[in-house]
mmCIF file of all heavy atoms, coordinates in Angstrom:
data_MODEL
# 
_entry.id   MODEL 
# 
loop_
_atom_site.group_PDB 
_atom_site.id 
_atom_site.type_symbol 
_atom_site.label_atom_id 
_atom_site.label_alt_id 
_atom_site.label_comp_id 
_atom_site.label_asym_id 
_atom_site.label_entity_id 
_atom_site.label_seq_id 
_atom_site.pdbx_PDB_ins_code 
_atom_site.Cartn_x 
_atom_site.Cartn_y 
_atom_site.Cartn_z 
_atom_site.occupancy 
_atom_site.B_iso_or_equiv 
_atom_site.pdbx_formal_charge 
_atom_site.auth_seq_id 
_atom_site.auth_comp_id 
_atom_site.auth_asym_id 
_atom_site.auth_atom_id 
_atom_site.pdbx_PDB_model_num 
ATOM 1   N N   . MET A 1 1  ? 130.832 -22.080 -50.709 1.00 0.00 ? 1  MET A N   1 
ATOM 2   C CA  . MET A 1 1  ? 132.092 -22.151 -49.969 1.00 0.00 ? 1  MET A CA  1 
ATOM 3   C C   . MET A 1 1  ? 132.393 -21.100 -48.890 1.00 0.00 ? 1  MET A C   1 
ATOM 4   O O   . MET A 1 1  ? 131.866 -20.042 -49.143 1.00 0.00 ? 1  MET A O   1 
ATOM 5   C CB  . MET A 1 1  ? 133.368 -22.269 -50.914 1.00 0.00 ? 1  MET A CB  1 
ATOM 6   C CG  . MET A 1 1  ? 133.275 -23.454 -51.764 1.00 0.00 ? 1  MET A CG  1 
ATOM 7   S SD  . MET A 1 1  ? 134.838 -23.371 -52.716 1.00 0.00 ? 1  MET A SD  1 
ATOM 8   C CE  . MET A 1 1  ? 134.253 -23.915 -54.259 1.00 0.00 ? 1  MET A CE  1 
ATOM 9   N N   . GLN A 1 2  ? 132.991 -21.499 -47.809 1.00 0.00 ? 2  GLN A N   1 
ATOM 10  C CA  . GLN A 1 2  ? 133.242 -20.618 -46.736 1.00 0.00 ? 2  GLN A CA  1 
ATOM 11  C C   . GLN A 1 2  ? 134.770 -20.392 -46.635 1.00 0.00 ? 2  GLN A C   1 
ATOM 12  O O   . GLN A 1 2  ? 135.391 -21.434 -46.756 1.00 0.00 ? 2  GLN A O   1 
ATOM 13  C CB  . GLN A 1 2  ? 132.769 -21.006 -45.353 1.00 0.00 ? 2  GLN A CB  1 
ATOM 14  C CG  . GLN A 1 2  ? 131.252 -21.206 -45.396 1.00 0.00 ? 2  GLN A CG  1 
ATOM 15  C CD  . GLN A 1 2  ? 130.542 -19.843 -45.414 1.00 0.00 ? 2  GLN A CD  1 
ATOM 16  O OE1 . GLN A 1 2  ? 130.952 -18.905 -44.916 1.00 0.00 ? 2  GLN A OE1 1 
ATOM 17  N NE2 . GLN A 1 2  ? 129.301 -19.860 -46.186 1.00 0.00 ? 2  GLN A NE2 1 
ATOM 18  N N   . PRO A 1 3  ? 135.230 -19.293 -46.634 1.00 0.00 ? 3  PRO A N   1 
ATOM 19  C CA  . PRO A 1 3  ? 136.833 -19.078 -46.620 1.00 0.00 ? 3  PRO A CA  1 
ATOM 20  C C   . PRO A 1 3  ? 137.236 -19.673 -45.353 1.00 0.00 ? 3  PRO A C   1 
ATOM 21  O O   . PRO A 1 3  ? 136.447 -19.737 -44.279 1.00 0.00 ? 3  PRO A O   1 
ATOM 22  C CB  . PRO A 1 3  ? 137.029 -17.483 -46.528 1.00 0.00 ? 3  PRO A CB  1 
ATOM 23  C CG  . PRO A 1 3  ? 135.684 -16.903 -47.025 1.00 0.00 ? 3  PRO A CG  1 
ATOM 24  C CD  . PRO A 1 3  ? 134.600 -17.842 -46.807 1.00 0.00 ? 3  PRO A CD  1 
ATOM 25  N N   . ILE A 1 4  ? 138.461 -20.257 -45.456 1.00 0.00 ? 4  ILE A N   1 
ATOM 26  C CA  . ILE A 1 4  ? 139.009 -20.967 -44.156 1.00 0.00 ? 4  ILE A CA  1 
ATOM 27  C C   . ILE A 1 4  ? 139.937 -19.870 -43.532 1.00 0.00 ? 4  ILE A C   1 
ATOM 28  O O   . ILE A 1 4  ? 140.502 -20.118 -42.279 1.00 0.00 ? 4  ILE A O   1 
ATOM 29  C CB  . ILE A 1 4  ? 139.855 -22.140 -44.461 1.00 0.00 ? 4  ILE A CB  1 
ATOM 30  C CG1 . ILE A 1 4  ? 140.959 -21.740 -45.377 1.00 0.00 ? 4  ILE A CG1 1 
ATOM 31  C CG2 . ILE A 1 4  ? 138.880 -23.268 -44.993 1.00 0.00 ? 4  ILE A CG2 1 
ATOM 32  C CD1 . ILE A 1 4  ? 142.133 -22.961 -45.628 1.00 0.00 ? 4  ILE A CD1 1 
ATOM 33  N N   . GLY A 1 5  ? 140.208 -18.796 -44.121 1.00 0.00 ? 5  GLY A N   1 
ATOM 34  C CA  . GLY A 1 5  ? 141.034 -17.704 -43.669 1.00 0.00 ? 5  GLY A CA  1 
ATOM 35  C C   . GLY A 1 5  ? 141.263 -16.618 -44.571 1.00 0.00 ? 5  GLY A C   1 
ATOM 36  O O   . GLY A 1 5  ? 140.493 -16.476 -45.638 1.00 0.00 ? 5  GLY A O   1 
ATOM 37  N N   . ARG A 1 6  ? 142.245 -15.696 -44.262 1.00 0.00 ? 6  ARG A N   1 
ATOM 38  C CA  . ARG A 1 6  ? 142.571 -14.496 -45.148 1.00 0.00 ? 6  ARG A CA  1 
ATOM 39  C C   . ARG A 1 6  ? 144.063 -14.430 -45.253 1.00 0.00 ? 6  ARG A C   1 
ATOM 40  O O   . ARG A 1 6  ? 144.830 -14.793 -44.361 1.00 0.00 ? 6  ARG A O   1 
ATOM 41  C CB  . ARG A 1 6  ? 141.965 -13.248 -44.339 1.00 0.00 ? 6  ARG A CB  1 
ATOM 42  C CG  . ARG A 1 6  ? 140.555 -13.249 -44.250 1.00 0.00 ? 6  ARG A CG  1 
ATOM 43  C CD  . ARG A 1 6  ? 139.872 -12.316 -45.212 1.00 0.00 ? 6  ARG A CD  1 
ATOM 44  N NE  . ARG A 1 6  ? 138.308 -12.371 -44.987 1.00 0.00 ? 6  ARG A NE  1 
ATOM 45  C CZ  . ARG A 1 6  ? 137.542 -12.252 -46.056 1.00 0.00 ? 6  ARG A CZ  1 
ATOM 46  N NH1 . ARG A 1 6  ? 138.036 -11.975 -47.230 1.00 0.00 ? 6  ARG A NH1 1 
ATOM 47  N NH2 . ARG A 1 6  ? 136.201 -12.402 -45.848 1.00 0.00 ? 6  ARG A NH2 1 
ATOM 48  N N   . VAL A 1 7  ? 144.364 -13.712 -46.331 1.00 0.00 ? 7  VAL A N   1 
ATOM 49  C CA  . VAL A 1 7  ? 145.690 -13.536 -46.642 1.00 0.00 ? 7  VAL A CA  1 
ATOM 50  C C   . VAL A 1 7  ? 146.103 -12.000 -45.932 1.00 0.00 ? 7  VAL A C   1 
ATOM 51  O O   . VAL A 1 7  ? 145.220 -11.185 -45.984 1.00 0.00 ? 7  VAL A O   1 
ATOM 52  C CB  . VAL A 1 7  ? 146.074 -13.293 -48.108 1.00 0.00 ? 7  VAL A CB  1 
ATOM 53  C CG1 . VAL A 1 7  ? 147.403 -12.832 -48.382 1.00 0.00 ? 7  VAL A CG1 1 
ATOM 54  C CG2 . VAL A 1 7  ? 145.841 -14.539 -48.763 1.00 0.00 ? 7  VAL A CG2 1 
ATOM 55  N N   . ARG A 1 8  ? 147.134 -12.018 -45.275 1.00 0.00 ? 8  ARG A N   1 
ATOM 56  C CA  . ARG A 1 8  ? 147.770 -10.699 -44.708 1.00 0.00 ? 8  ARG A CA  1 
ATOM 57  C C   . ARG A 1 8  ? 149.078 -10.529 -45.507 1.00 0.00 ? 8  ARG A C   1 
ATOM 58  O O   . ARG A 1 8  ? 150.057 -11.448 -45.430 1.00 0.00 ? 8  ARG A O   1 
ATOM 59  C CB  . ARG A 1 8  ? 147.998 -10.812 -43.181 1.00 0.00 ? 8  ARG A CB  1 
ATOM 60  C CG  . ARG A 1 8  ? 146.735 -11.026 -42.390 1.00 0.00 ? 8  ARG A CG  1 
ATOM 61  C CD  . ARG A 1 8  ? 145.834 -9.867  -42.503 1.00 0.00 ? 8  ARG A CD  1 
ATOM 62  N NE  . ARG A 1 8  ? 144.493 -10.089 -42.051 1.00 0.00 ? 8  ARG A NE  1 
ATOM 63  C CZ  . ARG A 1 8  ? 143.311 -9.743  -42.603 1.00 0.00 ? 8  ARG A CZ  1 
ATOM 64  N NH1 . ARG A 1 8  ? 143.437 -9.061  -43.651 1.00 0.00 ? 8  ARG A NH1 1 
ATOM 65  N NH2 . ARG A 1 8  ? 142.178 -9.979  -42.257 1.00 0.00 ? 8  ARG A NH2 1 
ATOM 66  N N   . SER A 1 9  ? 149.158 -9.318  -46.186 1.00 0.00 ? 9  SER A N   1 
ATOM 67  C CA  . SER A 1 9  ? 150.215 -8.981  -46.962 1.00 0.00 ? 9  SER A CA  1 
ATOM 68  C C   . SER A 1 9  ? 150.520 -7.429  -46.994 1.00 0.00 ? 9  SER A C   1 
ATOM 69  O O   . SER A 1 9  ? 149.539 -6.693  -46.673 1.00 0.00 ? 9  SER A O   1 
ATOM 70  C CB  . SER A 1 9  ? 150.056 -9.497  -48.341 1.00 0.00 ? 9  SER A CB  1 
ATOM 71  O OG  . SER A 1 9  ? 150.965 -9.162  -49.231 1.00 0.00 ? 9  SER A OG  1 
ATOM 72  N N   . THR A 1 10 ? 151.616 -7.045  -47.267 1.00 0.00 ? 10 THR A N   1 
ATOM 73  C CA  . THR A 1 10 ? 151.934 -5.723  -47.454 1.00 0.00 ? 10 THR A CA  1 
ATOM 74  C C   . THR A 1 10 ? 151.394 -5.188  -48.856 1.00 0.00 ? 10 THR A C   1 
ATOM 75  O O   . THR A 1 10 ? 151.246 -3.980  -48.995 1.00 0.00 ? 10 THR A O   1 
ATOM 76  C CB  . THR A 1 10 ? 153.497 -5.299  -47.429 1.00 0.00 ? 10 THR A CB  1 
ATOM 77  O OG1 . THR A 1 10 ? 154.165 -6.141  -48.307 1.00 0.00 ? 10 THR A OG1 1 
ATOM 78  C CG2 . THR A 1 10 ? 153.918 -5.628  -45.948 1.00 0.00 ? 10 THR A CG2 1 
ATOM 79  N N   . ARG A 1 11 ? 151.168 -6.222  -49.779 1.00 0.00 ? 11 ARG A N   1 
ATOM 80  C CA  . ARG A 1 11 ? 150.675 -5.821  -51.057 1.00 0.00 ? 11 ARG A CA  1 
ATOM 81  C C   . ARG A 1 11 ? 149.107 -5.670  -50.978 1.00 0.00 ? 11 ARG A C   1 
ATOM 82  O O   . ARG A 1 11 ? 148.394 -6.563  -50.467 1.00 0.00 ? 11 ARG A O   1 
ATOM 83  C CB  . ARG A 1 11 ? 150.841 -6.920  -52.031 1.00 0.00 ? 11 ARG A CB  1 
ATOM 84  C CG  . ARG A 1 11 ? 152.348 -6.973  -52.629 1.00 0.00 ? 11 ARG A CG  1 
ATOM 85  C CD  . ARG A 1 11 ? 152.116 -6.694  -54.137 1.00 0.00 ? 11 ARG A CD  1 
ATOM 86  N NE  . ARG A 1 11 ? 153.595 -6.714  -54.732 1.00 0.00 ? 11 ARG A NE  1 
ATOM 87  C CZ  . ARG A 1 11 ? 153.917 -7.294  -55.836 1.00 0.00 ? 11 ARG A CZ  1 
ATOM 88  N NH1 . ARG A 1 11 ? 153.065 -8.055  -56.478 1.00 0.00 ? 11 ARG A NH1 1 
ATOM 89  N NH2 . ARG A 1 11 ? 155.132 -7.231  -56.245 1.00 0.00 ? 11 ARG A NH2 1 
ATOM 90  N N   . THR A 1 12 ? 148.709 -4.408  -51.372 1.00 0.00 ? 12 THR A N   1 
ATOM 91  C CA  . THR A 1 12 ? 147.299 -4.200  -51.297 1.00 0.00 ? 12 THR A CA  1 
ATOM 92  C C   . THR A 1 12 ? 146.676 -4.003  -52.733 1.00 0.00 ? 12 THR A C   1 
ATOM 93  O O   . THR A 1 12 ? 145.384 -3.690  -52.809 1.00 0.00 ? 12 THR A O   1 
ATOM 94  C CB  . THR A 1 12 ? 147.078 -2.913  -50.527 1.00 0.00 ? 12 THR A CB  1 
ATOM 95  O OG1 . THR A 1 12 ? 147.712 -1.802  -51.138 1.00 0.00 ? 12 THR A OG1 1 
ATOM 96  C CG2 . THR A 1 12 ? 147.463 -3.059  -49.026 1.00 0.00 ? 12 THR A CG2 1 
ATOM 97  N N   . GLU A 1 13 ? 147.416 -3.983  -53.772 1.00 0.00 ? 13 GLU A N   1 
ATOM 98  C CA  . GLU A 1 13 ? 147.067 -3.880  -55.153 1.00 0.00 ? 13 GLU A CA  1 
ATOM 99  C C   . GLU A 1 13 ? 147.524 -4.968  -55.903 1.00 0.00 ? 13 GLU A C   1 
ATOM 100 O O   . GLU A 1 13 ? 148.556 -5.566  -55.716 1.00 0.00 ? 13 GLU A O   1 
ATOM 101 C CB  . GLU A 1 13 ? 147.642 -2.578  -55.778 1.00 0.00 ? 13 GLU A CB  1 
ATOM 102 C CG  . GLU A 1 13 ? 147.150 -1.313  -55.127 1.00 0.00 ? 13 GLU A CG  1 
ATOM 103 C CD  . GLU A 1 13 ? 145.708 -1.203  -55.273 1.00 0.00 ? 13 GLU A CD  1 
ATOM 104 O OE1 . GLU A 1 13 ? 145.105 -1.454  -56.371 1.00 0.00 ? 13 GLU A OE1 1 
ATOM 105 O OE2 . GLU A 1 13 ? 145.032 -0.614  -54.378 1.00 0.00 ? 13 GLU A OE2 1 
ATOM 106 N N   . PRO A 1 14 ? 146.837 -5.591  -56.866 1.00 0.00 ? 14 PRO A N   1 
ATOM 107 C CA  . PRO A 1 14 ? 147.097 -6.752  -57.636 1.00 0.00 ? 14 PRO A CA  1 
ATOM 108 C C   . PRO A 1 14 ? 148.151 -6.469  -58.772 1.00 0.00 ? 14 PRO A C   1 
ATOM 109 O O   . PRO A 1 14 ? 147.773 -6.444  -60.008 1.00 0.00 ? 14 PRO A O   1 
ATOM 110 C CB  . PRO A 1 14 ? 145.835 -7.253  -58.272 1.00 0.00 ? 14 PRO A CB  1 
ATOM 111 C CG  . PRO A 1 14 ? 145.047 -6.026  -58.263 1.00 0.00 ? 14 PRO A CG  1 
ATOM 112 C CD  . PRO A 1 14 ? 145.400 -5.175  -57.166 1.00 0.00 ? 14 PRO A CD  1 
ATOM 113 N N   . VAL A 1 15 ? 149.293 -6.071  -58.389 1.00 0.00 ? 15 VAL A N   1 
ATOM 114 C CA  . VAL A 1 15 ? 150.396 -5.641  -59.415 1.00 0.00 ? 15 VAL A CA  1 
ATOM 115 C C   . VAL A 1 15 ? 150.698 -6.981  -60.004 1.00 0.00 ? 15 VAL A C   1 
ATOM 116 O O   . VAL A 1 15 ? 150.884 -8.086  -59.347 1.00 0.00 ? 15 VAL A O   1 
ATOM 117 C CB  . VAL A 1 15 ? 151.593 -5.076  -58.590 1.00 0.00 ? 15 VAL A CB  1 
ATOM 118 C CG1 . VAL A 1 15 ? 152.668 -4.661  -59.661 1.00 0.00 ? 15 VAL A CG1 1 
ATOM 119 C CG2 . VAL A 1 15 ? 151.158 -3.859  -57.884 1.00 0.00 ? 15 VAL A CG2 1 
ATOM 120 N N   . ASP A 1 16 ? 151.083 -6.933  -61.334 1.00 0.00 ? 16 ASP A N   1 
ATOM 121 C CA  . ASP A 1 16 ? 151.378 -8.184  -62.070 1.00 0.00 ? 16 ASP A CA  1 
ATOM 122 C C   . ASP A 1 16 ? 152.716 -8.870  -61.884 1.00 0.00 ? 16 ASP A C   1 
ATOM 123 O O   . ASP A 1 16 ? 152.889 -10.077 -62.244 1.00 0.00 ? 16 ASP A O   1 
ATOM 124 C CB  . ASP A 1 16 ? 151.183 -7.938  -63.569 1.00 0.00 ? 16 ASP A CB  1 
ATOM 125 C CG  . ASP A 1 16 ? 149.692 -7.969  -63.920 1.00 0.00 ? 16 ASP A CG  1 
ATOM 126 O OD1 . ASP A 1 16 ? 148.887 -8.693  -63.353 1.00 0.00 ? 16 ASP A OD1 1 
ATOM 127 O OD2 . ASP A 1 16 ? 149.335 -7.204  -64.944 1.00 0.00 ? 16 ASP A OD2 1 
ATOM 128 N N   . ASP A 1 17 ? 153.658 -8.191  -61.293 1.00 0.00 ? 17 ASP A N   1 
ATOM 129 C CA  . ASP A 1 17 ? 155.069 -8.936  -61.307 1.00 0.00 ? 17 ASP A CA  1 
ATOM 130 C C   . ASP A 1 17 ? 155.691 -8.838  -60.012 1.00 0.00 ? 17 ASP A C   1 
ATOM 131 O O   . ASP A 1 17 ? 155.289 -8.154  -59.065 1.00 0.00 ? 17 ASP A O   1 
ATOM 132 C CB  . ASP A 1 17 ? 155.989 -7.990  -62.321 1.00 0.00 ? 17 ASP A CB  1 
ATOM 133 C CG  . ASP A 1 17 ? 155.498 -8.352  -63.800 1.00 0.00 ? 17 ASP A CG  1 
ATOM 134 O OD1 . ASP A 1 17 ? 155.171 -9.616  -64.060 1.00 0.00 ? 17 ASP A OD1 1 
ATOM 135 O OD2 . ASP A 1 17 ? 155.507 -7.482  -64.494 1.00 0.00 ? 17 ASP A OD2 1 
ATOM 136 N N   . ASP A 1 18 ? 156.834 -9.657  -59.778 1.00 0.00 ? 18 ASP A N   1 
ATOM 137 C CA  . ASP A 1 18 ? 157.710 -9.572  -58.640 1.00 0.00 ? 18 ASP A CA  1 
ATOM 138 C C   . ASP A 1 18 ? 157.018 -10.233 -57.363 1.00 0.00 ? 18 ASP A C   1 
ATOM 139 O O   . ASP A 1 18 ? 157.275 -9.763  -56.300 1.00 0.00 ? 18 ASP A O   1 
ATOM 140 C CB  . ASP A 1 18 ? 158.376 -8.239  -58.397 1.00 0.00 ? 18 ASP A CB  1 
ATOM 141 C CG  . ASP A 1 18 ? 159.606 -8.302  -57.604 1.00 0.00 ? 18 ASP A CG  1 
ATOM 142 O OD1 . ASP A 1 18 ? 160.236 -9.436  -57.638 1.00 0.00 ? 18 ASP A OD1 1 
ATOM 143 O OD2 . ASP A 1 18 ? 159.885 -7.389  -56.821 1.00 0.00 ? 18 ASP A OD2 1 
ATOM 144 N N   . TRP A 1 19 ? 156.315 -11.254 -57.603 1.00 0.00 ? 19 TRP A N   1 
ATOM 145 C CA  . TRP A 1 19 ? 155.574 -11.848 -56.353 1.00 0.00 ? 19 TRP A CA  1 
ATOM 146 C C   . TRP A 1 19 ? 156.461 -12.560 -55.535 1.00 0.00 ? 19 TRP A C   1 
ATOM 147 O O   . TRP A 1 19 ? 156.137 -12.776 -54.309 1.00 0.00 ? 19 TRP A O   1 
ATOM 148 C CB  . TRP A 1 19 ? 154.479 -12.712 -56.788 1.00 0.00 ? 19 TRP A CB  1 
ATOM 149 C CG  . TRP A 1 19 ? 153.222 -11.847 -57.288 1.00 0.00 ? 19 TRP A CG  1 
ATOM 150 C CD1 . TRP A 1 19 ? 152.887 -11.439 -58.523 1.00 0.00 ? 19 TRP A CD1 1 
ATOM 151 C CD2 . TRP A 1 19 ? 152.400 -11.124 -56.439 1.00 0.00 ? 19 TRP A CD2 1 
ATOM 152 N NE1 . TRP A 1 19 ? 151.819 -10.731 -58.591 1.00 0.00 ? 19 TRP A NE1 1 
ATOM 153 C CE2 . TRP A 1 19 ? 151.413 -10.540 -57.373 1.00 0.00 ? 19 TRP A CE2 1 
ATOM 154 C CE3 . TRP A 1 19 ? 152.092 -11.113 -55.176 1.00 0.00 ? 19 TRP A CE3 1 
ATOM 155 C CZ2 . TRP A 1 19 ? 150.412 -9.784  -56.859 1.00 0.00 ? 19 TRP A CZ2 1 
ATOM 156 C CZ3 . TRP A 1 19 ? 151.030 -10.420 -54.572 1.00 0.00 ? 19 TRP A CZ3 1 
ATOM 157 C CH2 . TRP A 1 19 ? 150.146 -9.736  -55.478 1.00 0.00 ? 19 TRP A CH2 1 
ATOM 158 N N   . ASP A 1 20 ? 157.682 -13.166 -56.044 1.00 0.00 ? 20 ASP A N   1 
ATOM 159 C CA  . ASP A 1 20 ? 158.447 -13.888 -55.216 1.00 0.00 ? 20 ASP A CA  1 
ATOM 160 C C   . ASP A 1 20 ? 159.071 -13.037 -53.958 1.00 0.00 ? 20 ASP A C   1 
ATOM 161 O O   . ASP A 1 20 ? 159.500 -13.595 -53.091 1.00 0.00 ? 20 ASP A O   1 
ATOM 162 C CB  . ASP A 1 20 ? 159.668 -14.482 -55.974 1.00 0.00 ? 20 ASP A CB  1 
ATOM 163 C CG  . ASP A 1 20 ? 159.424 -15.973 -56.333 1.00 0.00 ? 20 ASP A CG  1 
ATOM 164 O OD1 . ASP A 1 20 ? 158.466 -16.558 -55.885 1.00 0.00 ? 20 ASP A OD1 1 
ATOM 165 O OD2 . ASP A 1 20 ? 160.155 -16.485 -57.138 1.00 0.00 ? 20 ASP A OD2 1 
ATOM 166 N N   . ALA A 1 21 ? 159.114 -11.757 -54.262 1.00 0.00 ? 21 ALA A N   1 
ATOM 167 C CA  . ALA A 1 21 ? 159.768 -10.889 -53.180 1.00 0.00 ? 21 ALA A CA  1 
ATOM 168 C C   . ALA A 1 21 ? 158.721 -10.660 -52.080 1.00 0.00 ? 21 ALA A C   1 
ATOM 169 O O   . ALA A 1 21 ? 159.098 -10.087 -51.069 1.00 0.00 ? 21 ALA A O   1 
ATOM 170 C CB  . ALA A 1 21 ? 159.987 -9.410  -53.776 1.00 0.00 ? 21 ALA A CB  1 
ATOM 171 N N   . VAL A 1 22 ? 157.373 -11.284 -52.129 1.00 0.00 ? 22 VAL A N   1 
ATOM 172 C CA  . VAL A 1 22 ? 156.408 -10.947 -51.283 1.00 0.00 ? 22 VAL A CA  1 
ATOM 173 C C   . VAL A 1 22 ? 156.306 -12.003 -50.235 1.00 0.00 ? 22 VAL A C   1 
ATOM 174 O O   . VAL A 1 22 ? 156.056 -13.196 -50.587 1.00 0.00 ? 22 VAL A O   1 
ATOM 175 C CB  . VAL A 1 22 ? 155.064 -10.683 -51.856 1.00 0.00 ? 22 VAL A CB  1 
ATOM 176 C CG1 . VAL A 1 22 ? 153.927 -10.555 -50.866 1.00 0.00 ? 22 VAL A CG1 1 
ATOM 177 C CG2 . VAL A 1 22 ? 155.029 -9.605  -52.942 1.00 0.00 ? 22 VAL A CG2 1 
ATOM 178 N N   . GLU A 1 23 ? 156.497 -11.676 -48.866 1.00 0.00 ? 23 GLU A N   1 
ATOM 179 C CA  . GLU A 1 23 ? 156.209 -12.686 -47.823 1.00 0.00 ? 23 GLU A CA  1 
ATOM 180 C C   . GLU A 1 23 ? 154.870 -12.181 -47.331 1.00 0.00 ? 23 GLU A C   1 
ATOM 181 O O   . GLU A 1 23 ? 154.534 -11.061 -46.994 1.00 0.00 ? 23 GLU A O   1 
ATOM 182 C CB  . GLU A 1 23 ? 157.264 -12.609 -46.653 1.00 0.00 ? 23 GLU A CB  1 
ATOM 183 C CG  . GLU A 1 23 ? 158.486 -13.202 -47.123 1.00 0.00 ? 23 GLU A CG  1 
ATOM 184 C CD  . GLU A 1 23 ? 159.533 -13.214 -45.892 1.00 0.00 ? 23 GLU A CD  1 
ATOM 185 O OE1 . GLU A 1 23 ? 159.175 -13.202 -44.785 1.00 0.00 ? 23 GLU A OE1 1 
ATOM 186 O OE2 . GLU A 1 23 ? 160.669 -13.380 -46.279 1.00 0.00 ? 23 GLU A OE2 1 
ATOM 187 N N   . SER A 1 24 ? 153.986 -13.189 -47.090 1.00 0.00 ? 24 SER A N   1 
ATOM 188 C CA  . SER A 1 24 ? 152.688 -12.861 -46.596 1.00 0.00 ? 24 SER A CA  1 
ATOM 189 C C   . SER A 1 24 ? 152.355 -14.043 -45.663 1.00 0.00 ? 24 SER A C   1 
ATOM 190 O O   . SER A 1 24 ? 153.074 -14.976 -45.394 1.00 0.00 ? 24 SER A O   1 
ATOM 191 C CB  . SER A 1 24 ? 151.677 -12.762 -47.665 1.00 0.00 ? 24 SER A CB  1 
ATOM 192 O OG  . SER A 1 24 ? 151.628 -13.929 -48.599 1.00 0.00 ? 24 SER A OG  1 
ATOM 193 N N   . THR A 1 25 ? 151.167 -13.939 -44.941 1.00 0.00 ? 25 THR A N   1 
ATOM 194 C CA  . THR A 1 25 ? 150.669 -14.799 -44.021 1.00 0.00 ? 25 THR A CA  1 
ATOM 195 C C   . THR A 1 25 ? 149.285 -15.198 -44.426 1.00 0.00 ? 25 THR A C   1 
ATOM 196 O O   . THR A 1 25 ? 148.392 -14.377 -44.726 1.00 0.00 ? 25 THR A O   1 
ATOM 197 C CB  . THR A 1 25 ? 150.670 -14.208 -42.534 1.00 0.00 ? 25 THR A CB  1 
ATOM 198 O OG1 . THR A 1 25 ? 151.970 -13.732 -42.263 1.00 0.00 ? 25 THR A OG1 1 
ATOM 199 C CG2 . THR A 1 25 ? 150.220 -15.194 -41.493 1.00 0.00 ? 25 THR A CG2 1 
# 
């Protein structure tokens, strides 16, 4: 498979909680 794109986010570490607070692109 080839990626169709990438995530852009302020989160750089896979923290386990509070993901609803994250806006990403």
